[in-house]
Amino acid sequence: MIKVYNRENGDFIGTINEEQLELLIDQLEEETSKTNSYYIDSNTIDYLTDSGADEELIETLKKSLGEDEGVEIYIEEEESITR
């Protein structure tokens, strides 16, 4: 499971899958090299829509914006626990 958070306040936004993460990595420039961090605004969402992002990812990113013009998000991949 891959979790998406608001970088400014740490609020949990939602989850994305591996394919959606790959699209973000391929299409967007990371804000910092040490974390999976991306700046999202309405233009970014339009670009990702045109690049083939699925509706679930687009809705998660729209949720991250809320009433803001833009927001920095970060991605946290959960380690899978095997027994």
PDB file of N, CA and C in Angstrom:
ATOM      1  N   MET A   1       0.845  -1.168   0.000  1.00  0.00           N
ATOM      2  CA  MET A   1       0.000   0.000   0.000  1.00  0.00           C
ATOM      3  C   MET A   1       0.894   1.236   0.000  1.00  0.00           C
ATOM      4  N   ILE A   2       0.533   2.214  -0.790  1.00  0.00           N
ATOM      5  CA  ILE A   2       1.298   3.444  -0.913  1.00  0.00           C
ATOM      6  C   ILE A   2       0.406   4.581  -0.432  1.00  0.00           C
ATOM      7  N   LYS A   3       0.881   5.309   0.567  1.00  0.00           N
ATOM      8  CA  LYS A   3       0.088   6.372   1.175  1.00  0.00           C
ATOM      9  C   LYS A   3       0.554   7.738   0.683  1.00  0.00           C
ATOM     10  N   VAL A   4      -0.412   8.648   0.534  1.00  0.00           N
ATOM     11  CA  VAL A   4      -0.142  10.009   0.085  1.00  0.00           C
ATOM     12  C   VAL A   4      -0.485  10.961   1.229  1.00  0.00           C
ATOM     13  N   TYR A   5       0.443  11.882   1.515  1.00  0.00           N
ATOM     14  CA  TYR A   5       0.279  12.843   2.605  1.00  0.00           C
ATOM     15  C   TYR A   5       0.525  14.260   2.112  1.00  0.00           C
ATOM     16  N   ASN A   6      -0.081  15.222   2.804  1.00  0.00           N
ATOM     17  CA  ASN A   6       0.193  16.634   2.593  1.00  0.00           C
ATOM     18  C   ASN A   6       1.514  16.953   3.283  1.00  0.00           C
ATOM     19  N   ARG A   7       2.487  17.462   2.551  1.00  0.00           N
ATOM     20  CA  ARG A   7       3.806  17.735   3.120  1.00  0.00           C
ATOM     21  C   ARG A   7       3.734  18.839   4.177  1.00  0.00           C
ATOM     22  N   GLU A   8       2.902  19.840   3.981  1.00  0.00           N
ATOM     23  CA  GLU A   8       2.845  20.979   4.899  1.00  0.00           C
ATOM     24  C   GLU A   8       2.322  20.604   6.280  1.00  0.00           C
ATOM     25  N   ASN A   9       1.237  19.847   6.320  1.00  0.00           N
ATOM     26  CA  ASN A   9       0.614  19.569   7.620  1.00  0.00           C
ATOM     27  C   ASN A   9       0.612  18.089   8.011  1.00  0.00           C
ATOM     28  N   GLY A  10       1.098  17.222   7.125  1.00  0.00           N
ATOM     29  CA  GLY A  10       1.179  15.796   7.433  1.00  0.00           C
ATOM     30  C   GLY A  10      -0.131  15.044   7.338  1.00  0.00           C
ATOM     31  N   ASP A  11      -1.201  15.718   6.889  1.00  0.00           N
ATOM     32  CA  ASP A  11      -2.504  15.055   6.777  1.00  0.00           C
ATOM     33  C   ASP A  11      -2.460  13.926   5.750  1.00  0.00           C
ATOM     34  N   PHE A  12      -3.084  12.810   6.101  1.00  0.00           N
ATOM     35  CA  PHE A  12      -3.239  11.678   5.190  1.00  0.00           C
ATOM     36  C   PHE A  12      -4.261  12.057   4.129  1.00  0.00           C
ATOM     37  N   ILE A  13      -3.917  11.848   2.859  1.00  0.00           N
ATOM     38  CA  ILE A  13      -4.804  12.196   1.756  1.00  0.00           C
ATOM     39  C   ILE A  13      -5.505  10.962   1.206  1.00  0.00           C
ATOM     40  N   GLY A  14      -4.756   9.897   1.019  1.00  0.00           N
ATOM     41  CA  GLY A  14      -5.336   8.683   0.461  1.00  0.00           C
ATOM     42  C   GLY A  14      -4.248   7.695   0.094  1.00  0.00           C
ATOM     43  N   THR A  15      -4.646   6.652  -0.609  1.00  0.00           N
ATOM     44  CA  THR A  15      -3.688   5.638  -1.043  1.00  0.00           C
ATOM     45  C   THR A  15      -3.692   5.548  -2.561  1.00  0.00           C
ATOM     46  N   ILE A  16      -2.561   5.120  -3.094  1.00  0.00           N
ATOM     47  CA  ILE A  16      -2.441   4.865  -4.525  1.00  0.00           C
ATOM     48  C   ILE A  16      -1.776   3.504  -4.702  1.00  0.00           C
ATOM     49  N   ASN A  17      -1.854   2.983  -5.914  1.00  0.00           N
ATOM     50  CA  ASN A  17      -1.220   1.695  -6.180  1.00  0.00           C
ATOM     51  C   ASN A  17       0.125   1.901  -6.879  1.00  0.00           C
ATOM     52  N   GLU A  18       0.823   0.816  -7.109  1.00  0.00           N
ATOM     53  CA  GLU A  18       2.167   0.867  -7.706  1.00  0.00           C
ATOM     54  C   GLU A  18       2.142   1.489  -9.101  1.00  0.00           C
ATOM     55  N   GLU A  19       1.136   1.140  -9.885  1.00  0.00           N
ATOM     56  CA  GLU A  19       1.017   1.679 -11.243  1.00  0.00           C
ATOM     57  C   GLU A  19       0.823   3.195 -11.213  1.00  0.00           C
ATOM     58  N   GLN A  20       0.003   3.672 -10.292  1.00  0.00           N
ATOM     59  CA  GLN A  20      -0.227   5.108 -10.159  1.00  0.00           C
ATOM     60  C   GLN A  20       1.048   5.824  -9.711  1.00  0.00           C
ATOM     61  N   LEU A  21       1.789   5.212  -8.794  1.00  0.00           N
ATOM     62  CA  LEU A  21       3.061   5.789  -8.351  1.00  0.00           C
ATOM     63  C   LEU A  21       4.040   5.880  -9.517  1.00  0.00           C
ATOM     64  N   GLU A  22       4.108   4.839 -10.325  1.00  0.00           N
ATOM     65  CA  GLU A  22       5.009   4.849 -11.479  1.00  0.00           C
ATOM     66  C   GLU A  22       4.665   5.991 -12.429  1.00  0.00           C
ATOM     67  N   LEU A  23       3.376   6.256 -12.622  1.00  0.00           N
ATOM     68  CA  LEU A  23       2.963   7.360 -13.480  1.00  0.00           C
ATOM     69  C   LEU A  23       3.458   8.683 -12.901  1.00  0.00           C
ATOM     70  N   LEU A  24       3.311   8.878 -11.592  1.00  0.00           N
ATOM     71  CA  LEU A  24       3.801  10.109 -10.962  1.00  0.00           C
ATOM     72  C   LEU A  24       5.309  10.248 -11.144  1.00  0.00           C
ATOM     73  N   ILE A  25       6.035   9.175 -10.910  1.00  0.00           N
ATOM     74  CA  ILE A  25       7.494   9.204 -11.041  1.00  0.00           C
ATOM     75  C   ILE A  25       7.901   9.523 -12.478  1.00  0.00           C
ATOM     76  N   ASP A  26       7.217   8.904 -13.437  1.00  0.00           N
ATOM     77  CA  ASP A  26       7.554   9.104 -14.846  1.00  0.00           C
ATOM     78  C   ASP A  26       7.182  10.491 -15.357  1.00  0.00           C
ATOM     79  N   GLN A  27       6.073  11.041 -14.878  1.00  0.00           N
ATOM     80  CA  GLN A  27       5.539  12.273 -15.450  1.00  0.00           C
ATOM     81  C   GLN A  27       5.912  13.549 -14.695  1.00  0.00           C
ATOM     82  N   LEU A  28       6.263  13.427 -13.419  1.00  0.00           N
ATOM     83  CA  LEU A  28       6.508  14.624 -12.611  1.00  0.00           C
ATOM     84  C   LEU A  28       7.939  14.681 -12.107  1.00  0.00           C
ATOM     85  N   GLU A  29       8.367  15.898 -11.801  1.00  0.00           N
ATOM     86  CA  GLU A  29       9.689  16.111 -11.225  1.00  0.00           C
ATOM     87  C   GLU A  29       9.561  16.117  -9.711  1.00  0.00           C
ATOM     88  N   GLU A  30      10.389  15.315  -9.045  1.00  0.00           N
ATOM     89  CA  GLU A  30      10.355  15.276  -7.584  1.00  0.00           C
ATOM     90  C   GLU A  30      10.851  16.601  -7.028  1.00  0.00           C
ATOM     91  N   GLU A  31      10.194  17.077  -5.964  1.00  0.00           N
ATOM     92  CA  GLU A  31      10.585  18.330  -5.323  1.00  0.00           C
ATOM     93  C   GLU A  31      11.912  18.185  -4.590  1.00  0.00           C
ATOM     94  N   THR A  32      12.150  17.045  -3.979  1.00  0.00           N
ATOM     95  CA  THR A  32      13.421  16.795  -3.305  1.00  0.00           C
ATOM     96  C   THR A  32      13.913  15.419  -3.707  1.00  0.00           C
ATOM     97  N   SER A  33      15.211  15.244  -3.720  1.00  0.00           N
ATOM     98  CA  SER A  33      15.764  13.963  -4.148  1.00  0.00           C
ATOM     99  C   SER A  33      15.713  12.903  -3.054  1.00  0.00           C
ATOM    100  N   LYS A  34      15.499  13.311  -1.811  1.00  0.00           N
ATOM    101  CA  LYS A  34      15.515  12.360  -0.697  1.00  0.00           C
ATOM    102  C   LYS A  34      14.153  11.731  -0.421  1.00  0.00           C
ATOM    103  N   THR A  35      13.095  12.346  -0.893  1.00  0.00           N
ATOM    104  CA  THR A  35      11.753  11.809  -0.654  1.00  0.00           C
ATOM    105  C   THR A  35      10.955  11.823  -1.946  1.00  0.00           C
ATOM    106  N   ASN A  36       9.919  11.020  -1.988  1.00  0.00           N
ATOM    107  CA  ASN A  36       8.985  11.060  -3.111  1.00  0.00           C
ATOM    108  C   ASN A  36       8.011  12.194  -2.845  1.00  0.00           C
ATOM    109  N   SER A  37       8.398  13.397  -3.236  1.00  0.00           N
ATOM    110  CA  SER A  37       7.618  14.589  -2.946  1.00  0.00           C
ATOM    111  C   SER A  37       7.319  15.316  -4.254  1.00  0.00           C
ATOM    112  N   TYR A  38       6.058  15.733  -4.428  1.00  0.00           N
ATOM    113  CA  TYR A  38       5.633  16.356  -5.671  1.00  0.00           C
ATOM    114  C   TYR A  38       4.735  17.550  -5.382  1.00  0.00           C
ATOM    115  N   TYR A  39       4.872  18.605  -6.216  1.00  0.00           N
ATOM    116  CA  TYR A  39       3.983  19.757  -6.120  1.00  0.00           C
ATOM    117  C   TYR A  39       2.808  19.513  -7.059  1.00  0.00           C
ATOM    118  N   ILE A  40       1.602  19.643  -6.520  1.00  0.00           N
ATOM    119  CA  ILE A  40       0.383  19.396  -7.288  1.00  0.00           C
ATOM    120  C   ILE A  40      -0.448  20.673  -7.333  1.00  0.00           C
ATOM    121  N   ASP A  41      -0.885  21.047  -8.530  1.00  0.00           N
ATOM    122  CA  ASP A  41      -1.859  22.121  -8.693  1.00  0.00           C
ATOM    123  C   ASP A  41      -2.817  21.701  -9.809  1.00  0.00           C
ATOM    124  N   SER A  42      -3.747  22.569 -10.162  1.00  0.00           N
ATOM    125  CA  SER A  42      -4.748  22.175 -11.163  1.00  0.00           C
ATOM    126  C   SER A  42      -4.104  21.894 -12.521  1.00  0.00           C
ATOM    127  N   ASN A  43      -3.039  22.619 -12.871  1.00  0.00           N
ATOM    128  CA  ASN A  43      -2.342  22.352 -14.133  1.00  0.00           C
ATOM    129  C   ASN A  43      -1.690  20.975 -14.124  1.00  0.00           C
ATOM    130  N   THR A  44      -1.135  20.588 -12.979  1.00  0.00           N
ATOM    131  CA  THR A  44      -0.528  19.262 -12.843  1.00  0.00           C
ATOM    132  C   THR A  44      -1.583  18.180 -13.034  1.00  0.00           C
ATOM    133  N   ILE A  45      -2.737  18.381 -12.426  1.00  0.00           N
ATOM    134  CA  ILE A  45      -3.822  17.404 -12.548  1.00  0.00           C
ATOM    135  C   ILE A  45      -4.280  17.289 -13.998  1.00  0.00           C
ATOM    136  N   ASP A  46      -4.413  18.429 -14.690  1.00  0.00           N
ATOM    137  CA  ASP A  46      -4.780  18.400 -16.111  1.00  0.00           C
ATOM    138  C   ASP A  46      -3.729  17.650 -16.931  1.00  0.00           C
ATOM    139  N   TYR A  47      -2.459  17.916 -16.649  1.00  0.00           N
ATOM    140  CA  TYR A  47      -1.363  17.249 -17.354  1.00  0.00           C
ATOM    141  C   TYR A  47      -1.415  15.738 -17.139  1.00  0.00           C
ATOM    142  N   LEU A  48      -1.616  15.321 -15.892  1.00  0.00           N
ATOM    143  CA  LEU A  48      -1.675  13.888 -15.593  1.00  0.00           C
ATOM    144  C   LEU A  48      -2.890  13.229 -16.245  1.00  0.00           C
ATOM    145  N   THR A  49      -4.005  13.944 -16.284  1.00  0.00           N
ATOM    146  CA  THR A  49      -5.196  13.432 -16.966  1.00  0.00           C
ATOM    147  C   THR A  49      -4.880  13.186 -18.439  1.00  0.00           C
ATOM    148  N   ASP A  50      -4.237  14.172 -19.077  1.00  0.00           N
ATOM    149  CA  ASP A  50      -3.864  14.038 -20.489  1.00  0.00           C
ATOM    150  C   ASP A  50      -2.816  12.947 -20.704  1.00  0.00           C
ATOM    151  N   SER A  51      -2.049  12.641 -19.656  1.00  0.00           N
ATOM    152  CA  SER A  51      -0.997  11.620 -19.746  1.00  0.00           C
ATOM    153  C   SER A  51      -1.511  10.213 -19.466  1.00  0.00           C
ATOM    154  N   GLY A  52      -2.825  10.099 -19.209  1.00  0.00           N
ATOM    155  CA  GLY A  52      -3.411   8.777 -19.040  1.00  0.00           C
ATOM    156  C   GLY A  52      -3.623   8.327 -17.608  1.00  0.00           C
ATOM    157  N   ALA A  53      -3.524   9.246 -16.648  1.00  0.00           N
ATOM    158  CA  ALA A  53      -3.775   8.876 -15.251  1.00  0.00           C
ATOM    159  C   ALA A  53      -5.213   8.405 -15.093  1.00  0.00           C
ATOM    160  N   ASP A  54      -5.412   7.378 -14.264  1.00  0.00           N
ATOM    161  CA  ASP A  54      -6.766   6.875 -14.061  1.00  0.00           C
ATOM    162  C   ASP A  54      -7.556   7.794 -13.122  1.00  0.00           C
ATOM    163  N   GLU A  55      -8.861   7.626 -13.147  1.00  0.00           N
ATOM    164  CA  GLU A  55      -9.769   8.494 -12.389  1.00  0.00           C
ATOM    165  C   GLU A  55      -9.495   8.443 -10.889  1.00  0.00           C
ATOM    166  N   GLU A  56      -9.139   7.283 -10.376  1.00  0.00           N
ATOM    167  CA  GLU A  56      -8.872   7.136  -8.944  1.00  0.00           C
ATOM    168  C   GLU A  56      -7.693   8.010  -8.510  1.00  0.00           C
ATOM    169  N   LEU A  57      -6.617   8.018  -9.297  1.00  0.00           N
ATOM    170  CA  LEU A  57      -5.460   8.861  -8.982  1.00  0.00           C
ATOM    171  C   LEU A  57      -5.834  10.334  -9.076  1.00  0.00           C
ATOM    172  N   ILE A  58      -6.555  10.700 -10.113  1.00  0.00           N
ATOM    173  CA  ILE A  58      -6.957  12.099 -10.292  1.00  0.00           C
ATOM    174  C   ILE A  58      -7.807  12.563  -9.116  1.00  0.00           C
ATOM    175  N   GLU A  59      -8.742  11.743  -8.670  1.00  0.00           N
ATOM    176  CA  GLU A  59      -9.586  12.112  -7.529  1.00  0.00           C
ATOM    177  C   GLU A  59      -8.763  12.260  -6.249  1.00  0.00           C
ATOM    178  N   THR A  60      -7.781  11.388  -6.047  1.00  0.00           N
ATOM    179  CA  THR A  60      -6.909  11.498  -4.873  1.00  0.00           C
ATOM    180  C   THR A  60      -6.137  12.810  -4.915  1.00  0.00           C
ATOM    181  N   LEU A  61      -5.626  13.172  -6.086  1.00  0.00           N
ATOM    182  CA  LEU A  61      -4.868  14.417  -6.208  1.00  0.00           C
ATOM    183  C   LEU A  61      -5.763  15.642  -6.048  1.00  0.00           C
ATOM    184  N   LYS A  62      -6.985  15.579  -6.569  1.00  0.00           N
ATOM    185  CA  LYS A  62      -7.932  16.685  -6.369  1.00  0.00           C
ATOM    186  C   LYS A  62      -8.241  16.851  -4.889  1.00  0.00           C
ATOM    187  N   LYS A  63      -8.376  15.737  -4.190  1.00  0.00           N
ATOM    188  CA  LYS A  63      -8.621  15.773  -2.747  1.00  0.00           C
ATOM    189  C   LYS A  63      -7.462  16.460  -2.032  1.00  0.00           C
ATOM    190  N   SER A  64      -6.240  16.237  -2.507  1.00  0.00           N
ATOM    191  CA  SER A  64      -5.072  16.846  -1.871  1.00  0.00           C
ATOM    192  C   SER A  64      -5.103  18.364  -1.991  1.00  0.00           C
ATOM    193  N   LEU A  65      -5.654  18.868  -3.078  1.00  0.00           N
ATOM    194  CA  LEU A  65      -5.718  20.314  -3.278  1.00  0.00           C
ATOM    195  C   LEU A  65      -6.705  20.987  -2.339  1.00  0.00           C
ATOM    196  N   GLY A  66      -7.872  20.388  -2.176  1.00  0.00           N
ATOM    197  CA  GLY A  66      -8.903  21.047  -1.378  1.00  0.00           C
ATOM    198  C   GLY A  66      -9.187  22.420  -1.957  1.00  0.00           C
ATOM    199  N   GLU A  67      -9.098  23.447  -1.126  1.00  0.00           N
ATOM    200  CA  GLU A  67      -9.335  24.824  -1.559  1.00  0.00           C
ATOM    201  C   GLU A  67      -8.044  25.541  -1.939  1.00  0.00           C
ATOM    202  N   ASP A  68      -6.900  24.872  -1.787  1.00  0.00           N
ATOM    203  CA  ASP A  68      -5.611  25.493  -2.083  1.00  0.00           C
ATOM    204  C   ASP A  68      -5.357  25.536  -3.585  1.00  0.00           C
ATOM    205  N   GLU A  69      -4.518  26.498  -4.000  1.00  0.00           N
ATOM    206  CA  GLU A  69      -4.129  26.579  -5.407  1.00  0.00           C
ATOM    207  C   GLU A  69      -3.120  25.498  -5.760  1.00  0.00           C
ATOM    208  N   GLY A  70      -2.300  25.131  -4.790  1.00  0.00           N
ATOM    209  CA  GLY A  70      -1.296  24.104  -4.999  1.00  0.00           C
ATOM    210  C   GLY A  70      -0.861  23.539  -3.666  1.00  0.00           C
ATOM    211  N   VAL A  71      -0.341  22.328  -3.695  1.00  0.00           N
ATOM    212  CA  VAL A  71       0.072  21.665  -2.462  1.00  0.00           C
ATOM    213  C   VAL A  71       1.222  20.713  -2.775  1.00  0.00           C
ATOM    214  N   GLU A  72       2.137  20.596  -1.833  1.00  0.00           N
ATOM    215  CA  GLU A  72       3.196  19.608  -1.976  1.00  0.00           C
ATOM    216  C   GLU A  72       2.756  18.351  -1.248  1.00  0.00           C
ATOM    217  N   ILE A  73       2.840  17.234  -1.951  1.00  0.00           N
ATOM    218  CA  ILE A  73       2.482  15.946  -1.356  1.00  0.00           C
ATOM    219  C   ILE A  73       3.737  15.099  -1.235  1.00  0.00           C
ATOM    220  N   TYR A  74       3.686  14.129  -0.344  1.00  0.00           N
ATOM    221  CA  TYR A  74       4.759  13.138  -0.317  1.00  0.00           C
ATOM    222  C   TYR A  74       4.164  11.751  -0.249  1.00  0.00           C
ATOM    223  N   ILE A  75       4.939  10.813  -0.753  1.00  0.00           N
ATOM    224  CA  ILE A  75       4.522   9.426  -0.902  1.00  0.00           C
ATOM    225  C   ILE A  75       5.298   8.581   0.094  1.00  0.00           C
ATOM    226  N   GLU A  76       4.582   7.702   0.769  1.00  0.00           N
ATOM    227  CA  GLU A  76       5.220   6.784   1.715  1.00  0.00           C
ATOM    228  C   GLU A  76       4.786   5.367   1.376  1.00  0.00           C
ATOM    229  N   GLU A  77       5.760   4.543   1.045  1.00  0.00           N
ATOM    230  CA  GLU A  77       5.461   3.147   0.722  1.00  0.00           C
ATOM    231  C   GLU A  77       5.556   2.322   1.986  1.00  0.00           C
ATOM    232  N   GLU A  78       4.500   1.561   2.277  1.00  0.00           N
ATOM    233  CA  GLU A  78       4.510   0.680   3.443  1.00  0.00           C
ATOM    234  C   GLU A  78       5.283  -0.575   3.121  1.00  0.00           C
ATOM    235  N   GLU A  79       6.092  -0.989   4.058  1.00  0.00           N
ATOM    236  CA  GLU A  79       6.809  -2.257   3.915  1.00  0.00           C
ATOM    237  C   GLU A  79       5.788  -3.378   4.072  1.00  0.00           C
ATOM    238  N   SER A  80       5.824  -4.335   3.168  1.00  0.00           N
ATOM    239  CA  SER A  80       4.907  -5.464   3.319  1.00  0.00           C
ATOM    240  C   SER A  80       5.475  -6.412   4.371  1.00  0.00           C
ATOM    241  N   ILE A  81       4.613  -6.866   5.229  1.00  0.00           N
ATOM    242  CA  ILE A  81       5.016  -7.755   6.315  1.00  0.00           C
ATOM    243  C   ILE A  81       4.717  -9.189   5.898  1.00  0.00           C
ATOM    244  N   THR A  82       5.747 -10.007   5.878  1.00  0.00           N
ATOM    245  CA  THR A  82       5.553 -11.415   5.535  1.00  0.00           C
ATOM    246  C   THR A  82       5.911 -12.269   6.731  1.00  0.00           C
ATOM    247  N   ARG A  83       5.203 -13.353   6.875  1.00  0.00           N
ATOM    248  CA  ARG A  83       5.458 -14.258   8.000  1.00  0.00           C
ATOM    249  C   ARG A  83       5.828 -15.603   7.478  1.00  0.00           C
TER     250      ARG A  83
END
